[in-house]
Amino acid sequence: MKSNSGRDLSTCPICDASIDPDPPDGFTPYARQVGGYLDHFAEAHPDHKILDTPEGFL
């Protein structure tokens, strides 16, 4: 899924891992994809600056 900025949120730009959206929970598909994207970074790339200011990236 692409963000409003046109960034593909279904693949990690650092390690090319496929990123699945968070499970259905009442949020929109885009919000669930963003959650999955941030979860991936928290687990796989914990020092990446996206975790400090996600609104500047997404």
Protein backbone atom coordinates (compact mmCIF):
# COMPACT_ATOMS: atom_id res chain seq x y z
CA MET A 1 0.00 0.00 0.00
CA LYS A 2 1.30 3.45 -0.87
CA SER A 3 1.13 6.32 1.58
CA ASN A 4 -0.12 9.78 0.65
CA SER A 5 3.49 10.67 -0.12
CA GLY A 6 3.64 7.80 -2.63
CA ARG A 7 5.92 5.68 -0.44
CA ASP A 8 5.31 1.92 -0.62
CA LEU A 9 4.55 0.75 2.91
CA SER A 10 4.32 -2.95 2.05
CA THR A 11 8.09 -3.40 1.63
CA CYS A 12 10.92 -2.25 3.89
CA PRO A 13 13.23 0.13 2.00
CA ILE A 14 16.20 -1.02 4.10
CA CYS A 15 15.97 -4.82 4.05
CA ASP A 16 13.29 -5.43 1.36
CA ALA A 17 11.21 -7.46 3.82
CA SER A 18 7.52 -7.75 3.09
CA ILE A 19 5.49 -5.82 5.67
CA ASP A 20 2.01 -7.05 6.46
CA PRO A 21 -0.60 -4.70 7.89
CA ASP A 22 -1.67 -5.06 11.51
CA PRO A 23 -4.66 -7.40 11.98
CA PRO A 24 -8.16 -5.97 11.44
CA ASP A 25 -9.11 -3.91 14.49
CA GLY A 26 -11.56 -1.26 13.33
CA PHE A 27 -8.94 1.05 11.84
CA THR A 28 -8.66 1.79 8.12
CA PRO A 29 -6.45 -0.44 5.94
CA TYR A 30 -3.99 2.47 5.58
CA ALA A 31 -3.72 2.94 9.36
CA ARG A 32 -3.17 -0.80 9.82
CA GLN A 33 -0.43 -0.75 7.14
CA VAL A 34 1.29 2.19 8.86
CA GLY A 35 1.11 0.27 12.15
CA GLY A 36 2.70 -2.78 10.53
CA TYR A 37 5.38 -0.59 8.96
CA LEU A 38 6.28 1.00 12.29
CA ASP A 39 6.18 -2.38 14.05
CA HIS A 40 8.66 -3.73 11.50
CA PHE A 41 11.04 -0.83 12.12
CA ALA A 42 10.73 -1.20 15.90
CA GLU A 43 11.69 -4.88 15.66
CA ALA A 44 14.14 -4.97 12.74
CA HIS A 45 15.65 -1.46 12.75
CA PRO A 46 15.24 -0.10 16.31
CA ASP A 47 17.74 2.73 15.84
CA HIS A 48 16.15 4.14 12.67
CA LYS A 49 15.08 7.78 12.91
CA ILE A 50 11.57 6.97 11.62
CA LEU A 51 10.75 5.81 15.13
CA ASP A 52 11.50 9.26 16.52
CA THR A 53 9.43 11.25 14.01
CA PRO A 54 7.16 9.00 11.91
CA GLU A 55 5.03 11.93 10.74
CA GLY A 56 8.04 13.27 8.88
CA PHE A 57 8.35 10.05 6.88
CA LEU A 58 4.81 8.87 6.22
